[in-house]
Amino acid sequence: MLRDYLKIDAEDKLVEKGTLRTNNRGQEDVTEWTIINHSGEEKGVVALFDKLSNRRSYRVSYRIMQTDLQGKVVVDHLTDVL
């Protein structure tokens, strides 16, 4: 599950912002979520990149990036399964 890779609290919610599909050979999809805390304030953003094995030298399927509101990377993880 995606939440297992993130540094978020149990009461935080992920609200989907949208999906971007790049029309290239790899057909990579990028899905973004906003992290909302228990009081309704934004805490950061999560981006999920898929199909990395078609375009990169490393053989993984997903890249998970979590950033805070200032744009600092909190999590940058490569994995084969979610």
Protein backbone atom coordinates (compact mmCIF):
# COMPACT_ATOMS: atom_id res chain seq x y z
CA MET A 1 0.00 0.00 0.00
CA LEU A 2 1.22 3.50 -0.83
CA ARG A 3 0.84 4.78 2.75
CA ASP A 4 3.41 2.22 3.94
CA TYR A 5 6.16 4.12 2.12
CA LEU A 6 5.18 7.61 3.32
CA LYS A 7 6.07 9.56 6.45
CA ILE A 8 2.55 10.60 7.44
CA ASP A 9 0.39 10.29 10.55
CA ALA A 10 -2.39 7.71 10.80
CA GLU A 11 -5.09 10.42 10.74
CA ASP A 12 -3.68 12.17 7.64
CA LYS A 13 -5.65 11.85 4.40
CA LEU A 14 -4.44 11.63 0.81
CA VAL A 15 -6.60 13.63 -1.62
CA GLU A 16 -5.92 12.97 -5.29
CA LYS A 17 -4.96 16.09 -7.28
CA GLY A 18 -4.80 14.43 -10.68
CA THR A 19 -2.94 12.21 -13.10
CA LEU A 20 -0.61 13.27 -15.89
CA ARG A 21 0.04 10.85 -18.73
CA THR A 22 3.13 11.53 -20.80
CA ASN A 23 2.77 10.52 -24.42
CA ASN A 24 6.20 9.06 -24.95
CA ARG A 25 7.49 5.56 -25.64
CA GLY A 26 7.21 4.53 -22.01
CA GLN A 27 3.71 6.00 -21.46
CA GLU A 28 4.67 7.02 -17.94
CA ASP A 29 1.84 8.10 -15.62
CA VAL A 30 2.36 10.55 -12.75
CA THR A 31 -0.36 10.67 -10.09
CA GLU A 32 -0.28 13.37 -7.38
CA TRP A 33 -2.00 13.54 -4.01
CA THR A 34 -2.14 16.29 -1.42
CA ILE A 35 -1.54 15.28 2.20
CA ILE A 36 -4.20 16.77 4.50
CA ASN A 37 -3.77 16.60 8.28
CA HIS A 38 -6.56 15.99 10.81
CA SER A 39 -7.40 19.71 11.04
CA GLY A 40 -7.77 20.09 7.25
CA GLU A 41 -4.45 21.82 6.57
CA GLU A 42 -2.13 20.78 3.74
CA LYS A 43 1.08 19.07 4.85
CA GLY A 44 2.68 18.22 1.53
CA VAL A 45 2.41 16.40 -1.78
CA VAL A 46 2.93 12.80 -2.88
CA ALA A 47 3.78 11.88 -6.47
CA LEU A 48 3.70 8.33 -7.86
CA PHE A 49 5.60 7.71 -11.10
CA ASP A 50 4.98 4.37 -12.81
CA LYS A 51 6.50 2.32 -15.64
CA LEU A 52 10.04 3.45 -14.89
CA SER A 53 11.52 0.20 -16.24
CA ASN A 54 10.83 1.30 -19.81
CA ARG A 55 12.88 4.51 -19.61
CA ARG A 56 15.54 4.06 -16.95
CA SER A 57 18.61 1.92 -16.41
CA TYR A 58 17.28 0.61 -13.06
CA ARG A 59 14.60 -2.05 -13.19
CA VAL A 60 11.76 -0.86 -10.97
CA SER A 61 8.13 -0.13 -11.67
CA TYR A 62 7.35 2.77 -9.32
CA ARG A 63 8.96 5.87 -7.86
CA ILE A 64 7.30 7.44 -4.82
CA MET A 65 8.20 11.02 -3.89
CA GLN A 66 6.85 12.89 -0.90
CA THR A 67 7.62 16.59 -0.44
CA ASP A 68 6.68 19.06 2.25
CA LEU A 69 5.05 22.44 1.61
CA GLN A 70 8.47 24.08 1.08
CA GLY A 71 9.33 21.56 -1.64
CA LYS A 72 11.88 19.59 0.41
CA VAL A 73 11.96 15.89 -0.39
CA VAL A 74 10.81 13.80 2.57
CA VAL A 75 10.65 10.40 0.83
CA ASP A 76 12.16 9.29 -2.50
CA HIS A 77 11.66 5.55 -2.86
CA LEU A 78 11.97 3.10 -5.78
CA THR A 79 9.95 -0.12 -5.63
CA ASP A 80 8.60 -2.94 -7.76
CA VAL A 81 5.28 -3.34 -5.91
CA LEU A 82 2.93 -1.10 -3.96
